[in-house]
Protein backbone atom coordinates (compact mmCIF):
# COMPACT_ATOMS: atom_id res chain seq x y z
CA MET A 1 0.00 0.00 0.00
CA ALA A 2 1.12 3.55 -0.73
CA GLY A 3 2.80 5.01 2.33
CA ASP A 4 4.24 1.69 3.50
CA VAL A 5 7.94 1.77 4.32
CA ILE A 6 9.87 -0.29 1.77
CA LEU A 7 13.45 0.73 2.62
CA LYS A 8 14.79 1.47 6.08
CA VAL A 9 18.40 2.53 6.62
CA ASP A 10 19.73 2.77 10.18
CA GLY A 11 23.16 3.81 11.47
CA LEU A 12 24.88 3.30 8.10
CA ASN A 13 28.65 3.88 8.12
CA GLN A 14 31.07 3.43 5.26
CA TYR A 15 34.82 3.84 4.95
CA TYR A 16 37.29 3.92 2.06
CA GLY A 17 40.67 3.12 3.54
CA GLY A 18 41.02 5.45 6.51
CA SER A 19 38.39 7.91 5.25
CA HIS A 20 35.00 7.92 6.96
CA ILE A 21 32.69 8.40 3.94
CA LEU A 22 29.19 7.82 5.39
CA ARG A 23 28.42 8.74 8.98
CA ASN A 24 25.48 7.20 10.81
CA LEU A 25 22.97 7.70 8.01
CA GLY A 26 19.35 6.85 8.68
CA PHE A 27 16.20 7.36 6.61
CA GLU A 28 13.13 5.59 5.20
CA ALA A 29 11.67 5.38 1.70
CA LYS A 30 7.94 4.73 1.27
CA LEU A 31 5.75 3.32 -1.48
CA GLY A 32 4.35 6.06 -3.68
CA GLU A 33 7.02 8.59 -2.69
CA VAL A 34 10.14 10.03 -4.30
CA THR A 35 12.93 10.49 -1.76
CA VAL A 36 15.48 12.95 -3.16
CA ILE A 37 19.04 12.98 -1.84
CA LEU A 38 20.86 16.24 -2.56
CA GLY A 39 24.41 17.38 -2.01
CA ARG A 40 27.48 18.63 -3.80
CA ASN A 41 30.09 16.36 -5.37
CA GLY A 42 32.05 14.21 -2.97
CA VAL A 43 29.60 14.16 -0.03
CA GLY A 44 28.91 10.42 -0.34
CA LYS A 45 25.69 10.22 -2.36
CA THR A 46 26.94 7.65 -4.87
CA THR A 47 28.64 5.66 -2.10
CA LEU A 48 25.29 5.55 -0.29
CA LEU A 49 23.50 4.05 -3.30
CA LYS A 50 26.31 1.56 -3.91
CA SER A 51 26.04 0.50 -0.26
CA LEU A 52 22.27 0.07 -0.56
CA MET A 53 22.78 -1.98 -3.74
CA GLY A 54 25.47 -4.17 -2.20
CA VAL A 55 28.14 -3.01 -4.65
CA VAL A 56 30.29 -2.08 -1.65
CA PRO A 57 29.85 -3.94 1.67
CA VAL A 58 28.35 -2.01 4.57
CA LYS A 59 30.86 -1.50 7.39
CA ALA A 60 28.27 -0.76 10.08
CA GLY A 61 24.53 -0.26 10.30
CA THR A 62 21.52 -2.04 8.84
CA VAL A 63 19.55 -1.95 5.59
CA THR A 64 16.10 -3.52 5.53
CA LEU A 65 13.78 -4.04 2.55
CA GLU A 66 10.13 -4.70 3.38
CA GLY A 67 11.21 -5.54 6.93
CA ALA A 68 13.84 -8.10 5.87
CA ASP A 69 17.50 -7.45 6.75
CA ILE A 70 19.48 -7.27 3.48
CA THR A 71 22.61 -5.68 4.94
CA ARG A 72 24.79 -8.65 3.93
CA ALA A 73 22.85 -9.71 0.82
CA THR A 74 24.61 -9.77 -2.55
CA SER A 75 23.66 -7.31 -5.29
CA TYR A 76 22.03 -10.18 -7.19
CA GLU A 77 19.89 -11.09 -4.18
CA ARG A 78 18.83 -7.48 -3.75
CA VAL A 79 17.68 -7.31 -7.37
CA ARG A 80 15.75 -10.55 -6.91
CA ARG A 81 14.12 -9.09 -3.77
CA GLY A 82 12.96 -6.04 -5.70
CA ILE A 83 15.63 -3.34 -6.00
CA GLY A 84 16.26 -1.65 -9.34
CA TYR A 85 19.40 0.48 -9.72
CA VAL A 86 20.36 3.05 -12.35
CA PRO A 87 24.03 3.88 -11.73
CA GLN A 88 25.72 7.19 -12.43
CA GLY A 89 27.05 7.17 -15.98
CA ARG A 90 24.31 4.72 -17.07
CA GLU A 91 26.66 1.72 -17.56
CA ILE A 92 24.68 0.17 -20.38
CA PHE A 93 26.33 -2.48 -22.54
CA GLY A 94 27.51 -0.54 -25.58
CA ARG A 95 28.07 -3.57 -27.82
CA LEU A 96 24.70 -5.14 -27.03
CA THR A 97 21.49 -4.08 -28.74
CA VAL A 98 18.71 -2.23 -26.95
CA GLU A 99 16.78 -5.49 -26.76
CA GLU A 100 19.74 -7.37 -25.31
CA ASN A 101 20.32 -4.63 -22.72
CA LEU A 102 16.69 -4.88 -21.65
CA ARG A 103 16.97 -8.66 -21.39
CA MET A 104 19.89 -8.16 -19.00
CA GLY A 105 17.36 -6.51 -16.69
CA LEU A 106 15.45 -9.81 -16.67
CA ALA A 107 18.46 -11.85 -15.51
CA THR A 108 16.71 -12.85 -12.26
CA LYS A 109 13.61 -14.07 -14.11
CA SER A 110 13.04 -17.35 -15.94
CA GLY A 111 14.49 -17.66 -19.43
CA GLY A 112 11.20 -17.23 -21.29
CA THR A 113 10.19 -13.99 -19.59
CA ALA A 114 9.15 -11.37 -22.14
CA ILE A 115 10.33 -7.78 -22.04
CA PRO A 116 7.41 -5.87 -20.46
CA ALA A 117 5.53 -3.97 -23.18
CA GLU A 118 5.08 -1.08 -20.75
CA LEU A 119 8.77 -0.19 -21.05
CA PHE A 120 8.15 0.82 -24.66
CA GLU A 121 5.12 2.85 -23.60
CA LEU A 122 7.25 4.72 -21.04
CA PHE A 123 10.13 5.21 -23.49
CA PRO A 124 8.82 4.93 -27.09
CA VAL A 125 12.26 5.66 -28.59
CA LEU A 126 13.50 2.30 -27.32
CA LYS A 127 10.99 0.44 -29.49
CA GLN A 128 12.15 2.37 -32.54
CA MET A 129 15.77 1.47 -31.74
CA ILE A 130 15.25 -2.08 -30.47
CA GLY A 131 17.90 -3.56 -32.79
CA ARG A 132 20.43 -0.74 -32.47
CA ARG A 133 23.54 -1.14 -30.34
CA GLY A 134 23.44 0.67 -27.02
CA GLY A 135 26.69 2.46 -27.74
CA ASP A 136 25.14 4.09 -30.82
CA LEU A 137 22.38 5.81 -28.83
CA SER A 138 22.58 9.43 -27.66
CA GLY A 139 23.29 10.12 -23.99
CA GLY A 140 19.63 10.79 -23.29
CA GLN A 141 18.52 7.63 -25.07
CA GLN A 142 21.10 5.61 -23.13
CA GLN A 143 19.71 7.03 -19.89
CA GLN A 144 16.20 5.98 -20.87
CA LEU A 145 17.55 2.52 -21.69
CA ALA A 146 19.30 2.30 -18.31
CA ILE A 147 16.07 3.22 -16.50
CA ALA A 148 14.02 0.75 -18.58
CA ARG A 149 16.56 -1.99 -17.85
CA ALA A 150 16.20 -1.34 -14.12
CA LEU A 151 12.40 -1.42 -14.44
CA ALA A 152 12.30 -4.65 -16.47
CA ALA A 153 12.14 -6.93 -13.44
CA GLY A 154 9.36 -4.92 -11.77
CA PRO A 155 11.19 -3.47 -8.74
CA LYS A 156 9.52 -2.27 -5.54
CA LEU A 157 12.39 0.16 -4.96
CA LEU A 158 14.02 2.11 -7.80
CA MET A 159 17.28 3.97 -7.09
CA LEU A 160 18.63 6.48 -9.62
CA ASP A 161 22.04 8.18 -9.41
CA GLU A 162 21.97 11.59 -11.12
CA PRO A 163 19.79 10.65 -14.11
CA THR A 164 19.92 14.22 -15.50
CA GLU A 165 23.72 14.33 -15.81
CA GLY A 166 24.71 15.29 -19.36
CA ILE A 167 21.15 14.94 -20.68
CA GLN A 168 19.32 17.35 -22.99
CA PRO A 169 16.41 19.30 -21.39
CA SER A 170 13.64 17.62 -23.42
CA ILE A 171 14.68 14.15 -22.22
CA ILE A 172 15.09 15.41 -18.65
CA LYS A 173 11.40 16.36 -18.80
CA ASP A 174 10.48 12.92 -20.15
CA ILE A 175 12.45 11.17 -17.39
CA GLY A 176 10.87 13.37 -14.73
CA ARG A 177 7.40 12.58 -16.03
CA VAL A 178 8.10 8.83 -15.91
CA ILE A 179 9.52 9.01 -12.37
CA ARG A 180 6.47 10.92 -11.11
CA MET A 181 4.06 8.55 -12.82
CA LEU A 182 5.78 5.46 -11.37
CA ALA A 183 5.68 6.93 -7.87
CA ASP A 184 2.05 8.03 -8.14
CA ARG A 185 0.94 4.46 -8.78
CA GLY A 186 1.79 3.69 -5.16
CA THR A 187 3.48 0.36 -5.90
CA MET A 188 7.09 1.54 -5.91
CA ALA A 189 9.39 3.66 -3.75
CA ILE A 190 11.92 5.84 -5.58
CA VAL A 191 15.24 7.12 -4.24
CA LEU A 192 16.74 9.81 -6.46
CA VAL A 193 20.26 11.20 -6.04
CA GLU A 194 20.42 14.54 -7.81
CA GLN A 195 22.41 17.79 -8.03
CA TYR A 196 20.01 19.59 -10.38
CA TYR A 197 17.88 21.45 -7.83
CA ASP A 198 14.86 22.30 -10.00
CA PHE A 199 14.46 18.69 -11.17
CA ALA A 200 14.77 17.43 -7.60
CA ALA A 201 12.36 19.98 -6.16
CA GLU A 202 9.73 19.19 -8.78
CA LEU A 203 9.75 15.47 -7.91
CA ALA A 204 10.56 15.31 -4.19
CA ASP A 205 8.01 14.06 -1.70
CA GLN A 206 10.79 13.86 0.87
CA TYR A 207 14.25 15.44 0.68
CA LEU A 208 17.56 14.76 2.41
CA VAL A 209 20.61 17.04 2.15
CA MET A 210 24.04 15.48 2.63
CA GLU A 211 27.28 17.16 3.65
CA ARG A 212 30.53 15.34 4.45
CA GLY A 213 28.82 11.97 4.61
CA GLU A 214 26.03 13.07 6.94
CA ILE A 215 22.38 14.01 6.48
CA VAL A 216 22.33 17.60 7.68
CA GLN A 217 18.77 18.56 6.70
CA ARG A 218 15.58 16.74 5.80
CA GLY A 219 11.95 17.55 5.21
CA ARG A 220 9.00 17.41 2.83
CA GLY A 221 9.57 18.25 -0.81
CA ALA A 222 6.95 20.99 -0.75
CA ASP A 223 9.00 22.85 1.87
CA MET A 224 12.38 22.80 0.06
CA GLU A 225 12.26 26.41 -1.12
CA ALA A 226 11.01 27.78 2.20
CA GLU A 227 13.64 25.79 4.10
CA GLY A 228 16.51 27.22 2.05
CA VAL A 229 17.62 24.06 0.26
CA ARG A 230 18.38 25.93 -2.98
CA GLN A 231 20.78 28.24 -1.13
CA LYS A 232 22.45 25.29 0.57
CA MET A 233 23.07 23.69 -2.82
CA SER A 234 24.59 26.84 -4.30
CA ILE A 235 27.07 27.58 -1.49
């Protein structure tokens, strides 16, 4: 049900060598809501998503998905449990076709599983380019492909790392519209890491601001302007 907590993060700490990258982070993400994580470069946003995805092991703290502890689960297990992840830089397979990239998103499903037709409704350009190699697509088209790949398995939690980076404005609008529509259905929680303030503010139901590996401010998306988040981002 919309409003149910899907993701709960408690006391999360992460280190790279002797550097303390994430410091006692805690937050929740709910069905039907977009949780936006803001902050300048180098504050730990990408490290946070990689920790939630199991790409880097959590040093301390807990991560639960629908009440189940997944802190030590592999990335593959997290996908199977319902996490979709769109990494920074897209990381599509450039030599594979659009269709083959989308099938990679179905890796946890049985071999005969069809690519969901809805992906082509969300991103019509992918249907037109189904046989084209991923590396031949524009940056914006690659981003749409990366999001569609993450959606292929039907996640309950979708995490996106700076989806507007290097993307033309018209496709940014398309991506924003899809994110809002997915959240409004109430069957998915979305965690969005973003530096582009206007895009974040338009989508945020809940916002978190990070500095030096800590959450220093949080609130409802509707209050971002009044609570000075834009100024904090521009300092």
